[in-house]
Amino acid sequence: MNLTVRSLRRLSLKYLGLSPLAVIRRYRLQEAALHLREHPQTSLASLAVDLGYADQAHLSTDFRKVLGYSPSDYRSS
């Protein structure tokens, strides 16, 4: 795109209202929610790794912040 990091961040904030990191995080969480609905037997640790999280705890923390549920509560509902 031939943009500086700062320029990309400014454009993202202007048009999306979110930083690039926040967009990536939301996309990952949407993928996690979809996967938990379609494949409830999947372990959270393997799902976290598949989505690029360092570990299950980071996925759970982000999931709860954005969706208001823990991944296991979301899966069981």
Protein backbone atom coordinates (compact mmCIF):
# COMPACT_ATOMS: atom_id res chain seq x y z
CA MET A 1 0.00 0.00 0.00
CA ASN A 2 3.07 2.19 0.24
CA LEU A 3 1.86 3.83 3.48
CA THR A 4 3.60 4.45 6.74
CA VAL A 5 2.26 2.68 9.81
CA ARG A 6 0.95 5.98 11.13
CA SER A 7 -0.86 6.75 7.85
CA LEU A 8 -2.52 3.35 7.85
CA ARG A 9 -3.60 3.85 11.45
CA ARG A 10 -5.05 7.29 10.66
CA LEU A 11 -7.00 5.93 7.67
CA SER A 12 -8.30 3.01 9.68
CA LEU A 13 -9.47 5.28 12.48
CA LYS A 14 -11.08 7.69 10.01
CA TYR A 15 -13.02 5.13 7.96
CA LEU A 16 -13.55 2.27 10.41
CA GLY A 17 -13.41 4.02 13.75
CA LEU A 18 -10.95 1.37 14.97
CA SER A 19 -7.21 0.88 14.90
CA PRO A 20 -5.81 -1.85 12.63
CA LEU A 21 -5.07 -3.96 15.72
CA ALA A 22 -8.67 -3.63 16.91
CA VAL A 23 -9.94 -4.66 13.45
CA ILE A 24 -7.72 -7.76 13.49
CA ARG A 25 -8.80 -8.59 17.04
CA ARG A 26 -12.51 -8.29 16.15
CA TYR A 27 -12.05 -10.47 13.08
CA ARG A 28 -10.35 -13.14 15.20
CA LEU A 29 -13.15 -13.01 17.75
CA GLN A 30 -15.79 -13.33 15.04
CA GLU A 31 -13.96 -16.39 13.77
CA ALA A 32 -13.77 -17.78 17.31
CA ALA A 33 -17.51 -17.27 17.91
CA LEU A 34 -18.39 -18.89 14.59
CA HIS A 35 -16.10 -21.84 15.29
CA LEU A 36 -17.53 -22.33 18.78
CA ARG A 37 -21.07 -22.39 17.37
CA GLU A 38 -20.27 -24.79 14.55
CA HIS A 39 -17.77 -27.02 16.40
CA PRO A 40 -18.54 -26.86 20.14
CA GLN A 41 -16.29 -29.84 20.89
CA THR A 42 -13.11 -27.96 19.84
CA SER A 43 -10.71 -27.23 22.68
CA LEU A 44 -10.21 -23.56 23.47
CA ALA A 45 -6.44 -24.01 23.53
CA SER A 46 -6.32 -25.32 19.96
CA LEU A 47 -8.76 -22.66 18.79
CA ALA A 48 -6.56 -19.97 20.34
CA VAL A 49 -3.50 -21.29 18.53
CA ASP A 50 -5.40 -21.55 15.22
CA LEU A 51 -6.45 -17.90 15.51
CA GLY A 52 -2.95 -16.63 16.31
CA TYR A 53 -3.30 -16.07 20.04
CA ALA A 54 -0.37 -16.83 22.32
CA ASP A 55 -2.55 -18.98 24.54
CA GLN A 56 -6.09 -19.72 25.69
CA ALA A 57 -5.99 -17.05 28.39
CA HIS A 58 -5.45 -14.25 25.85
CA LEU A 59 -8.33 -15.50 23.71
CA SER A 60 -10.61 -15.74 26.75
CA THR A 61 -9.71 -12.23 27.93
CA ASP A 62 -10.38 -10.65 24.52
CA PHE A 63 -13.56 -12.69 24.05
CA ARG A 64 -14.96 -11.57 27.39
CA LYS A 65 -14.02 -7.90 26.82
CA VAL A 66 -15.77 -7.70 23.45
CA LEU A 67 -18.66 -10.17 23.73
CA GLY A 68 -19.33 -10.08 27.45
CA TYR A 69 -19.11 -13.87 27.82
CA SER A 70 -16.29 -16.27 28.38
CA PRO A 71 -15.75 -18.61 25.41
CA SER A 72 -16.95 -21.61 27.44
CA ASP A 73 -20.14 -19.77 28.51
CA TYR A 74 -20.73 -18.71 24.90
CA ARG A 75 -20.25 -22.27 23.70
CA SER A 76 -22.72 -23.70 26.25
CA SER A 77 -25.46 -21.16 25.49
